Amino acid sequence: MDRHPPKPPPRGLILLGIGLLGLLAAFLLGLRPAGLVPNAGGLRLARDFFSAATEPAFSWESAHLAAHTTPFLADLAHAALRTLIFAAAAMSLSVLAGLPLGILASETWWRRSSFKNSRMTAAARGLQAAVRIGIALMRSVHELIWAVILLAAVGLNTFGAVLAIAVPYSGTLAKVFSEMLDEAPRHSAKALEGIGVRPLSVFLFGLVPRALPDLVAYTAYRFECAVRSAAVLGFFGYPTLGYHLTLSFGDGRFRETWTTIYLLLGLILFLEWWSTAIRRRLVS
């Protein structure tokens, strides 16, 4: 008697279930549309803030700051550079840690032919499980929480800020890298195995090159995320674009705030174009 796998539920039922769960969550949280209606002071603040979007600042709005600091755009460019440096340093550490962890967490690494005779030894399976648990712990804590922990532990230290991004990003990269290696096409690897190539060489030259475009593209995407995370770390006092955002907004210098937002947006759009160009070059 043939056994067929159970059919998945219709999409309509899945969407209905998601919608019902959303309504239940809204009820339990006490969400009310009336809670989004601002008071008179909030309306005035929102009007002043959004009206400044069409007039971004090109110099300090405060005469006191203009007289005692460097030019506004030069200071902002320096903050943008520091934001990129923070992100680049964090991503460098993340890749160095995430790639080997992703390899050790993947099924592909442990299913190489060199392990077939021992049927995946208990020690190897235990190491893989330990790596996966470590990866889950690293990525389960948000970078903002890591920033709070490290800020309390080491103070306003730049290396602490880099680690606050690098630790959870290492776990995320390792998780995604392991899945990409497991899902990579295996035609080249099987061909190399068929002519007697050693398992390690099969992995390095038959499997990794097939997964490389996706690995690089995802790393570039995570670099975009790291730039945003580095900017947000400025809210804790680190000298990134977020530091300018929180100071200018808190002081009511909304034109400066919008200039910072537009600069951050420009950085993200440039990085998105750059990562797309890299992926197209690798795939073609």
C-alpha atoms as a PDB file:
ATOM      1  CA  MET A   1       0.000   0.000   0.000  1.00  0.00           C
ATOM      2  CA  ASP A   2       1.458   3.335  -1.046  1.00  0.00           C
ATOM      3  CA  ARG A   3       1.960   5.896   1.626  1.00  0.00           C
ATOM      4  CA  HIS A   4       1.630   9.501   0.625  1.00  0.00           C
ATOM      5  CA  PRO A   5       2.879  12.379   2.783  1.00  0.00           C
ATOM      6  CA  PRO A   6       0.083  14.340   4.438  1.00  0.00           C
ATOM      7  CA  LYS A   7      -1.061  17.346   2.462  1.00  0.00           C
ATOM      8  CA  PRO A   8      -0.368  20.721   4.031  1.00  0.00           C
ATOM      9  CA  PRO A   9      -3.413  22.701   5.126  1.00  0.00           C
ATOM     10  CA  PRO A  10      -4.859  25.149   2.569  1.00  0.00           C
ATOM     11  CA  ARG A  11      -3.255  28.557   2.443  1.00  0.00           C
ATOM     12  CA  GLY A  12      -6.543  30.157   3.337  1.00  0.00           C
ATOM     13  CA  LEU A  13      -6.649  28.293   6.652  1.00  0.00           C
ATOM     14  CA  ILE A  14      -3.052  29.266   7.386  1.00  0.00           C
ATOM     15  CA  LEU A  15      -3.799  32.948   6.727  1.00  0.00           C
ATOM     16  CA  LEU A  16      -6.967  32.710   8.790  1.00  0.00           C
ATOM     17  CA  GLY A  17      -5.026  31.173  11.676  1.00  0.00           C
ATOM     18  CA  ILE A  18      -2.404  33.927  11.504  1.00  0.00           C
ATOM     19  CA  GLY A  19      -5.139  36.564  11.475  1.00  0.00           C
ATOM     20  CA  LEU A  20      -6.886  35.029  14.491  1.00  0.00           C
ATOM     21  CA  LEU A  21      -3.607  34.869  16.388  1.00  0.00           C
ATOM     22  CA  GLY A  22      -3.015  38.528  15.552  1.00  0.00           C
ATOM     23  CA  LEU A  23      -6.447  39.502  16.881  1.00  0.00           C
ATOM     24  CA  LEU A  24      -5.873  37.466  20.026  1.00  0.00           C
ATOM     25  CA  ALA A  25      -2.505  39.157  20.576  1.00  0.00           C
ATOM     26  CA  ALA A  26      -4.090  42.595  20.078  1.00  0.00           C
ATOM     27  CA  PHE A  27      -6.781  41.735  22.627  1.00  0.00           C
ATOM     28  CA  LEU A  28      -4.294  40.431  25.206  1.00  0.00           C
ATOM     29  CA  LEU A  29      -2.068  43.494  24.775  1.00  0.00           C
ATOM     30  CA  GLY A  30      -4.991  45.866  24.989  1.00  0.00           C
ATOM     31  CA  LEU A  31      -4.225  47.530  21.669  1.00  0.00           C
ATOM     32  CA  ARG A  32      -6.609  50.369  20.850  1.00  0.00           C
ATOM     33  CA  PRO A  33      -6.472  52.702  17.811  1.00  0.00           C
ATOM     34  CA  ALA A  34      -7.306  55.570  20.144  1.00  0.00           C
ATOM     35  CA  GLY A  35      -3.905  55.107  21.747  1.00  0.00           C
ATOM     36  CA  LEU A  36      -2.279  56.489  18.583  1.00  0.00           C
ATOM     37  CA  VAL A  37      -4.103  59.809  18.753  1.00  0.00           C
ATOM     38  CA  PRO A  38      -1.580  62.408  20.017  1.00  0.00           C
ATOM     39  CA  ASN A  39      -2.418  65.234  22.342  1.00  0.00           C
ATOM     40  CA  ALA A  40      -2.019  68.902  21.441  1.00  0.00           C
ATOM     41  CA  GLY A  41       1.649  68.943  22.446  1.00  0.00           C
ATOM     42  CA  GLY A  42       2.352  65.781  20.477  1.00  0.00           C
ATOM     43  CA  LEU A  43       0.684  67.177  17.367  1.00  0.00           C
ATOM     44  CA  ARG A  44       2.756  70.329  17.607  1.00  0.00           C
ATOM     45  CA  LEU A  45       5.975  68.314  17.998  1.00  0.00           C
ATOM     46  CA  ALA A  46       5.084  66.060  15.053  1.00  0.00           C
ATOM     47  CA  ARG A  47       4.251  69.083  12.897  1.00  0.00           C
ATOM     48  CA  ASP A  48       7.544  70.790  13.709  1.00  0.00           C
ATOM     49  CA  PHE A  49       9.518  67.614  13.139  1.00  0.00           C
ATOM     50  CA  PHE A  50       8.028  66.624   9.778  1.00  0.00           C
ATOM     51  CA  SER A  51       7.961  70.184   8.475  1.00  0.00           C
ATOM     52  CA  ALA A  52      11.746  70.269   8.930  1.00  0.00           C
ATOM     53  CA  ALA A  53      12.121  67.341   6.515  1.00  0.00           C
ATOM     54  CA  THR A  54      11.986  69.679   3.525  1.00  0.00           C
ATOM     55  CA  GLU A  55      14.655  71.984   4.968  1.00  0.00           C
ATOM     56  CA  PRO A  56      17.596  69.851   6.133  1.00  0.00           C
ATOM     57  CA  ALA A  57      20.396  71.744   7.814  1.00  0.00           C
ATOM     58  CA  PHE A  58      23.770  72.392   6.203  1.00  0.00           C
ATOM     59  CA  SER A  59      25.173  74.201   9.237  1.00  0.00           C
ATOM     60  CA  TRP A  60      24.612  74.177  12.981  1.00  0.00           C
ATOM     61  CA  GLU A  61      21.201  75.534  13.961  1.00  0.00           C
ATOM     62  CA  SER A  62      22.595  76.729  17.290  1.00  0.00           C
ATOM     63  CA  ALA A  63      24.824  79.813  17.161  1.00  0.00           C
ATOM     64  CA  HIS A  64      26.640  78.537  20.260  1.00  0.00           C
ATOM     65  CA  LEU A  65      27.595  75.286  18.523  1.00  0.00           C
ATOM     66  CA  ALA A  66      28.570  77.086  15.334  1.00  0.00           C
ATOM     67  CA  ALA A  67      30.999  79.272  17.261  1.00  0.00           C
ATOM     68  CA  HIS A  68      32.731  76.546  19.250  1.00  0.00           C
ATOM     69  CA  THR A  69      32.732  73.360  17.110  1.00  0.00           C
ATOM     70  CA  THR A  70      33.787  72.157  13.694  1.00  0.00           C
ATOM     71  CA  PRO A  71      31.445  72.786  10.735  1.00  0.00           C
ATOM     72  CA  PHE A  72      28.251  70.770  10.879  1.00  0.00           C
ATOM     73  CA  LEU A  73      28.694  68.813   7.647  1.00  0.00           C
ATOM     74  CA  ALA A  74      32.321  67.996   8.475  1.00  0.00           C
ATOM     75  CA  ASP A  75      31.299  66.753  11.915  1.00  0.00           C
ATOM     76  CA  LEU A  76      28.480  64.698  10.405  1.00  0.00           C
ATOM     77  CA  ALA A  77      30.786  63.188   7.767  1.00  0.00           C
ATOM     78  CA  HIS A  78      33.190  62.204  10.526  1.00  0.00           C
ATOM     79  CA  ALA A  79      30.340  60.520  12.411  1.00  0.00           C
ATOM     80  CA  ALA A  80      29.315  58.652   9.258  1.00  0.00           C
ATOM     81  CA  LEU A  81      32.887  57.439   8.815  1.00  0.00           C
ATOM     82  CA  ARG A  82      32.991  56.249  12.423  1.00  0.00           C
ATOM     83  CA  THR A  83      29.677  54.447  11.873  1.00  0.00           C
ATOM     84  CA  LEU A  84      31.123  52.584   8.893  1.00  0.00           C
ATOM     85  CA  ILE A  85      34.285  51.746  10.844  1.00  0.00           C
ATOM     86  CA  PHE A  86      32.263  50.341  13.736  1.00  0.00           C
ATOM     87  CA  ALA A  87      30.200  48.246  11.298  1.00  0.00           C
ATOM     88  CA  ALA A  88      33.242  47.033   9.342  1.00  0.00           C
ATOM     89  CA  ALA A  89      35.108  46.018  12.504  1.00  0.00           C
ATOM     90  CA  ALA A  90      32.064  44.172  13.853  1.00  0.00           C
ATOM     91  CA  MET A  91      31.439  42.377  10.557  1.00  0.00           C
ATOM     92  CA  SER A  92      35.097  41.346  10.279  1.00  0.00           C
ATOM     93  CA  LEU A  93      34.892  39.645  13.668  1.00  0.00           C
ATOM     94  CA  SER A  94      31.485  38.187  12.802  1.00  0.00           C
ATOM     95  CA  VAL A  95      32.717  36.574   9.595  1.00  0.00           C
ATOM     96  CA  LEU A  96      35.860  35.223  11.263  1.00  0.00           C
ATOM     97  CA  ALA A  97      33.725  33.590  13.954  1.00  0.00           C
ATOM     98  CA  GLY A  98      30.568  32.848  11.959  1.00  0.00           C
ATOM     99  CA  LEU A  99      32.162  30.972   9.051  1.00  0.00           C
ATOM    100  CA  PRO A 100      33.909  28.216  11.047  1.00  0.00           C
ATOM    101  CA  LEU A 101      30.941  27.960  13.409  1.00  0.00           C
ATOM    102  CA  GLY A 102      28.597  27.675  10.431  1.00  0.00           C
ATOM    103  CA  ILE A 103      30.715  24.903   8.927  1.00  0.00           C
ATOM    104  CA  LEU A 104      30.767  22.983  12.205  1.00  0.00           C
ATOM    105  CA  ALA A 105      27.004  23.444  12.626  1.00  0.00           C
ATOM    106  CA  SER A 106      26.155  22.217   9.118  1.00  0.00           C
ATOM    107  CA  GLU A 107      25.063  18.667   8.345  1.00  0.00           C
ATOM    108  CA  THR A 108      27.146  18.745   5.172  1.00  0.00           C
ATOM    109  CA  TRP A 109      30.429  18.958   7.057  1.00  0.00           C
ATOM    110  CA  TRP A 110      29.656  15.956   9.267  1.00  0.00           C
ATOM    111  CA  ARG A 111      28.201  13.873   6.412  1.00  0.00           C
ATOM    112  CA  ARG A 112      31.407  13.816   4.424  1.00  0.00           C
ATOM    113  CA  SER A 113      32.538  10.367   3.303  1.00  0.00           C
ATOM    114  CA  SER A 114      35.291  10.325   5.937  1.00  0.00           C
ATOM    115  CA  PHE A 115      32.569   9.992   8.569  1.00  0.00           C
ATOM    116  CA  LYS A 116      30.477   7.357   6.833  1.00  0.00           C
ATOM    117  CA  ASN A 117      32.432   4.402   8.157  1.00  0.00           C
ATOM    118  CA  SER A 118      31.911   5.461  11.781  1.00  0.00           C
ATOM    119  CA  ARG A 119      28.290   6.535  11.112  1.00  0.00           C
ATOM    120  CA  MET A 120      28.821   9.940  12.647  1.00  0.00           C
ATOM    121  CA  THR A 121      30.596   9.267  15.920  1.00  0.00           C
ATOM    122  CA  ALA A 122      29.032  10.347  19.182  1.00  0.00           C
ATOM    123  CA  ALA A 123      31.839  12.832  19.754  1.00  0.00           C
ATOM    124  CA  ALA A 124      31.246  14.499  16.380  1.00  0.00           C
ATOM    125  CA  ARG A 125      27.490  14.694  16.941  1.00  0.00           C
ATOM    126  CA  GLY A 126      28.060  16.112  20.412  1.00  0.00           C
ATOM    127  CA  LEU A 127      30.379  18.812  19.054  1.00  0.00           C
ATOM    128  CA  GLN A 128      27.826  19.758  16.409  1.00  0.00           C
ATOM    129  CA  ALA A 129      25.080  20.008  19.050  1.00  0.00           C
ATOM    130  CA  ALA A 130      27.280  22.141  21.301  1.00  0.00           C
ATOM    131  CA  VAL A 131      28.091  24.502  18.422  1.00  0.00           C
ATOM    132  CA  ARG A 132      24.420  24.848  17.526  1.00  0.00           C
ATOM    133  CA  ILE A 133      23.490  25.628  21.121  1.00  0.00           C
ATOM    134  CA  GLY A 134      26.254  28.231  21.290  1.00  0.00           C
ATOM    135  CA  ILE A 135      25.050  29.811  18.050  1.00  0.00           C
ATOM    136  CA  ALA A 136      21.493  29.964  19.387  1.00  0.00           C
ATOM    137  CA  LEU A 137      22.662  31.657  22.585  1.00  0.00           C
ATOM    138  CA  MET A 138      24.709  34.235  20.667  1.00  0.00           C
ATOM    139  CA  ARG A 139      21.904  35.288  18.358  1.00  0.00           C
ATOM    140  CA  SER A 140      19.074  35.092  20.899  1.00  0.00           C
ATOM    141  CA  VAL A 141      20.349  38.220  22.711  1.00  0.00           C
ATOM    142  CA  HIS A 142      19.875  41.427  20.710  1.00  0.00           C
ATOM    143  CA  GLU A 143      22.837  43.715  20.085  1.00  0.00           C
ATOM    144  CA  LEU A 144      21.217  46.441  22.193  1.00  0.00           C
ATOM    145  CA  ILE A 145      21.160  44.088  25.181  1.00  0.00           C
ATOM    146  CA  TRP A 146      24.794  43.186  24.531  1.00  0.00           C
ATOM    147  CA  ALA A 147      25.546  46.923  24.398  1.00  0.00           C
ATOM    148  CA  VAL A 148      23.910  47.456  27.802  1.00  0.00           C
ATOM    149  CA  ILE A 149      25.818  44.516  29.297  1.00  0.00           C
ATOM    150  CA  LEU A 150      29.169  45.579  27.860  1.00  0.00           C
ATOM    151  CA  LEU A 151      28.570  49.235  28.718  1.00  0.00           C
ATOM    152  CA  ALA A 152      28.057  48.236  32.341  1.00  0.00           C
ATOM    153  CA  ALA A 153      31.065  45.897  32.243  1.00  0.00           C
ATOM    154  CA  VAL A 154      33.722  47.940  30.429  1.00  0.00           C
ATOM    155  CA  GLY A 155      32.238  51.431  30.181  1.00  0.00           C
ATOM    156  CA  LEU A 156      32.010  53.557  27.042  1.00  0.00           C
ATOM    157  CA  ASN A 157      34.622  51.489  25.230  1.00  0.00           C
ATOM    158  CA  THR A 158      34.773  51.262  21.436  1.00  0.00           C
ATOM    159  CA  PHE A 159      35.789  47.605  21.503  1.00  0.00           C
ATOM    160  CA  GLY A 160      32.772  46.898  23.682  1.00  0.00           C
ATOM    161  CA  ALA A 161      30.552  48.542  21.060  1.00  0.00           C
ATOM    162  CA  VAL A 162      32.125  46.422  18.323  1.00  0.00           C
ATOM    163  CA  LEU A 163      31.602  43.253  20.361  1.00  0.00           C
ATOM    164  CA  ALA A 164      27.981  44.228  21.046  1.00  0.00           C
ATOM    165  CA  ILE A 165      27.343  43.929  17.306  1.00  0.00           C
ATOM    166  CA  ALA A 166      29.811  41.127  16.554  1.00  0.00           C
ATOM    167  CA  VAL A 167      28.520  38.580  19.082  1.00  0.00           C
ATOM    168  CA  PRO A 168      24.883  38.301  17.897  1.00  0.00           C
ATOM    169  CA  TYR A 169      25.891  38.780  14.256  1.00  0.00           C
ATOM    170  CA  SER A 170      28.369  35.902  14.542  1.00  0.00           C
ATOM    171  CA  GLY A 171      25.553  33.648  15.695  1.00  0.00           C
ATOM    172  CA  THR A 172      23.244  34.835  12.918  1.00  0.00           C
ATOM    173  CA  LEU A 173      25.898  34.396  10.222  1.00  0.00           C
ATOM    174  CA  ALA A 174      26.787  30.944  11.537  1.00  0.00           C
ATOM    175  CA  LYS A 175      23.133  29.872  11.473  1.00  0.00           C
ATOM    176  CA  VAL A 176      22.515  31.129   7.936  1.00  0.00           C
ATOM    177  CA  PHE A 177      25.898  29.931   6.619  1.00  0.00           C
ATOM    178  CA  SER A 178      25.200  26.401   7.872  1.00  0.00           C
ATOM    179  CA  GLU A 179      21.814  26.356   6.128  1.00  0.00           C
ATOM    180  CA  MET A 180      23.286  27.689   2.877  1.00  0.00           C
ATOM    181  CA  LEU A 181      25.987  25.024   2.901  1.00  0.00           C
ATOM    182  CA  ASP A 182      23.390  22.328   3.515  1.00  0.00           C
ATOM    183  CA  GLU A 183      21.157  23.613   0.696  1.00  0.00           C
ATOM    184  CA  ALA A 184      23.908  24.252  -1.883  1.00  0.00           C
ATOM    185  CA  PRO A 185      23.748  22.232  -5.150  1.00  0.00           C
ATOM    186  CA  ARG A 186      25.828  19.058  -4.936  1.00  0.00           C
ATOM    187  CA  HIS A 187      26.433  18.210  -8.581  1.00  0.00           C
ATOM    188  CA  SER A 188      30.073  19.304  -8.526  1.00  0.00           C
ATOM    189  CA  ALA A 189      30.706  17.632  -5.177  1.00  0.00           C
ATOM    190  CA  LYS A 190      29.281  14.325  -6.391  1.00  0.00           C
ATOM    191  CA  ALA A 191      31.375  14.510  -9.541  1.00  0.00           C
ATOM    192  CA  LEU A 192      34.541  15.022  -7.486  1.00  0.00           C
ATOM    193  CA  GLU A 193      33.577  12.180  -5.166  1.00  0.00           C
ATOM    194  CA  GLY A 194      33.080   9.947  -8.190  1.00  0.00           C
ATOM    195  CA  ILE A 195      36.702  10.347  -9.270  1.00  0.00           C
ATOM    196  CA  GLY A 196      38.080   9.685  -5.792  1.00  0.00           C
ATOM    197  CA  VAL A 197      38.852  13.221  -4.564  1.00  0.00           C
ATOM    198  CA  ARG A 198      39.441  13.457  -0.820  1.00  0.00           C
ATOM    199  CA  PRO A 199      36.429  14.558   1.286  1.00  0.00           C
ATOM    200  CA  LEU A 200      37.994  17.808   2.475  1.00  0.00           C
ATOM    201  CA  SER A 201      38.844  18.806  -1.102  1.00  0.00           C
ATOM    202  CA  VAL A 202      35.312  17.900  -2.180  1.00  0.00           C
ATOM    203  CA  PHE A 203      33.940  20.210   0.493  1.00  0.00           C
ATOM    204  CA  LEU A 204      36.294  23.087  -0.300  1.00  0.00           C
ATOM    205  CA  PHE A 205      36.216  22.911  -4.107  1.00  0.00           C
ATOM    206  CA  GLY A 206      32.945  21.174  -4.894  1.00  0.00           C
ATOM    207  CA  LEU A 207      30.506  22.591  -2.347  1.00  0.00           C
ATOM    208  CA  VAL A 208      31.787  25.915  -0.993  1.00  0.00           C
ATOM    209  CA  PRO A 209      32.081  27.572  -4.456  1.00  0.00           C
ATOM    210  CA  ARG A 210      28.432  26.712  -5.178  1.00  0.00           C
ATOM    211  CA  ALA A 211      27.330  28.338  -1.917  1.00  0.00           C
ATOM    212  CA  LEU A 212      29.764  31.265  -2.163  1.00  0.00           C
ATOM    213  CA  PRO A 213      27.472  33.728  -4.027  1.00  0.00           C
ATOM    214  CA  ASP A 214      24.764  33.333  -1.403  1.00  0.00           C
ATOM    215  CA  LEU A 215      27.299  33.528   1.430  1.00  0.00           C
ATOM    216  CA  VAL A 216      28.781  36.766   0.087  1.00  0.00           C
ATOM    217  CA  ALA A 217      25.386  38.294  -0.683  1.00  0.00           C
ATOM    218  CA  TYR A 218      24.086  37.566   2.802  1.00  0.00           C
ATOM    219  CA  THR A 219      27.275  38.909   4.377  1.00  0.00           C
ATOM    220  CA  ALA A 220      26.838  42.140   2.415  1.00  0.00           C
ATOM    221  CA  TYR A 221      23.233  42.372   3.617  1.00  0.00           C
ATOM    222  CA  ARG A 222      24.336  41.865   7.207  1.00  0.00           C
ATOM    223  CA  PHE A 223      26.866  44.664   6.725  1.00  0.00           C
ATOM    224  CA  GLU A 224      23.937  46.956   5.891  1.00  0.00           C
ATOM    225  CA  CYS A 225      22.299  45.815   9.133  1.00  0.00           C
ATOM    226  CA  ALA A 226      25.568  46.401  11.006  1.00  0.00           C
ATOM    227  CA  VAL A 227      25.645  49.996   9.776  1.00  0.00           C
ATOM    228  CA  ARG A 228      22.160  50.552  11.183  1.00  0.00           C
ATOM    229  CA  SER A 229      23.115  48.827  14.435  1.00  0.00           C
ATOM    230  CA  ALA A 230      26.256  50.948  14.713  1.00  0.00           C
ATOM    231  CA  ALA A 231      24.150  54.064  14.228  1.00  0.00           C
ATOM    232  CA  VAL A 232      21.727  52.964  16.947  1.00  0.00           C
ATOM    233  CA  LEU A 233      24.621  52.408  19.350  1.00  0.00           C
ATOM    234  CA  GLY A 234      25.033  56.186  19.257  1.00  0.00           C
ATOM    235  CA  PHE A 235      21.998  56.380  21.544  1.00  0.00           C
ATOM    236  CA  PHE A 236      24.247  54.903  24.248  1.00  0.00           C
ATOM    237  CA  GLY A 237      26.858  57.614  23.727  1.00  0.00           C
ATOM    238  CA  TYR A 238      29.115  55.996  21.144  1.00  0.00           C
ATOM    239  CA  PRO A 239      30.272  58.554  18.528  1.00  0.00           C
ATOM    240  CA  THR A 240      28.206  57.375  15.553  1.00  0.00           C
ATOM    241  CA  LEU A 241      25.371  58.919  13.557  1.00  0.00           C
ATOM    242  CA  GLY A 242      22.912  57.847  16.231  1.00  0.00           C
ATOM    243  CA  TYR A 243      24.673  60.115  18.701  1.00  0.00           C
ATOM    244  CA  HIS A 244      23.941  63.098  16.443  1.00  0.00           C
ATOM    245  CA  LEU A 245      20.357  61.935  16.020  1.00  0.00           C
ATOM    246  CA  THR A 246      19.618  61.738  19.718  1.00  0.00           C
ATOM    247  CA  LEU A 247      21.325  65.045  20.537  1.00  0.00           C
ATOM    248  CA  SER A 248      19.735  67.043  17.739  1.00  0.00           C
ATOM    249  CA  PHE A 249      16.267  65.591  18.292  1.00  0.00           C
ATOM    250  CA  GLY A 250      16.477  66.058  22.057  1.00  0.00           C
ATOM    251  CA  ASP A 251      17.457  69.706  21.617  1.00  0.00           C
ATOM    252  CA  GLY A 252      14.721  70.348  19.054  1.00  0.00           C
ATOM    253  CA  ARG A 253      17.180  70.905  16.186  1.00  0.00           C
ATOM    254  CA  PHE A 254      15.009  68.955  13.775  1.00  0.00           C
ATOM    255  CA  ARG A 255      16.663  70.218  10.590  1.00  0.00           C
ATOM    256  CA  GLU A 256      19.935  68.711  11.796  1.00  0.00           C
ATOM    257  CA  THR A 257      18.073  65.522  12.634  1.00  0.00           C
ATOM    258  CA  TRP A 258      16.742  65.212   9.089  1.00  0.00           C
ATOM    259  CA  THR A 259      20.166  65.831   7.601  1.00  0.00           C
ATOM    260  CA  THR A 260      21.489  62.931   9.677  1.00  0.00           C
ATOM    261  CA  ILE A 261      18.563  60.733   8.624  1.00  0.00           C
ATOM    262  CA  TYR A 262      19.130  61.521   4.946  1.00  0.00           C
ATOM    263  CA  LEU A 263      22.835  60.748   5.263  1.00  0.00           C
ATOM    264  CA  LEU A 264      22.095  57.399   6.930  1.00  0.00           C
ATOM    265  CA  LEU A 265      19.538  56.638   4.214  1.00  0.00           C
ATOM    266  CA  GLY A 266      22.110  57.449   1.547  1.00  0.00           C
ATOM    267  CA  LEU A 267      24.634  55.096   3.160  1.00  0.00           C
ATOM    268  CA  ILE A 268      22.108  52.251   3.260  1.00  0.00           C
ATOM    269  CA  LEU A 269      21.049  52.781  -0.375  1.00  0.00           C
ATOM    270  CA  PHE A 270      24.682  52.840  -1.496  1.00  0.00           C
ATOM    271  CA  LEU A 271      25.439  49.629   0.390  1.00  0.00           C
ATOM    272  CA  GLU A 272      22.338  47.995  -1.100  1.00  0.00           C
ATOM    273  CA  TRP A 273      23.495  48.915  -4.616  1.00  0.00           C
ATOM    274  CA  TRP A 274      27.003  47.679  -3.796  1.00  0.00           C
ATOM    275  CA  SER A 275      25.812  44.309  -2.451  1.00  0.00           C
ATOM    276  CA  THR A 276      23.538  43.804  -5.472  1.00  0.00           C
ATOM    277  CA  ALA A 277      26.447  44.526  -7.823  1.00  0.00           C
ATOM    278  CA  ILE A 278      28.636  42.004  -6.004  1.00  0.00           C
ATOM    279  CA  ARG A 279      25.983  39.295  -6.195  1.00  0.00           C
ATOM    280  CA  ARG A 280      25.412  39.867  -9.915  1.00  0.00           C
ATOM    281  CA  ARG A 281      29.156  39.663 -10.562  1.00  0.00           C
ATOM    282  CA  LEU A 282      29.451  36.386  -8.654  1.00  0.00           C
ATOM    283  CA  VAL A 283      26.414  34.772 -10.252  1.00  0.00           C
ATOM    284  CA  SER A 284      27.214  35.806 -13.837  1.00  0.00           C
END
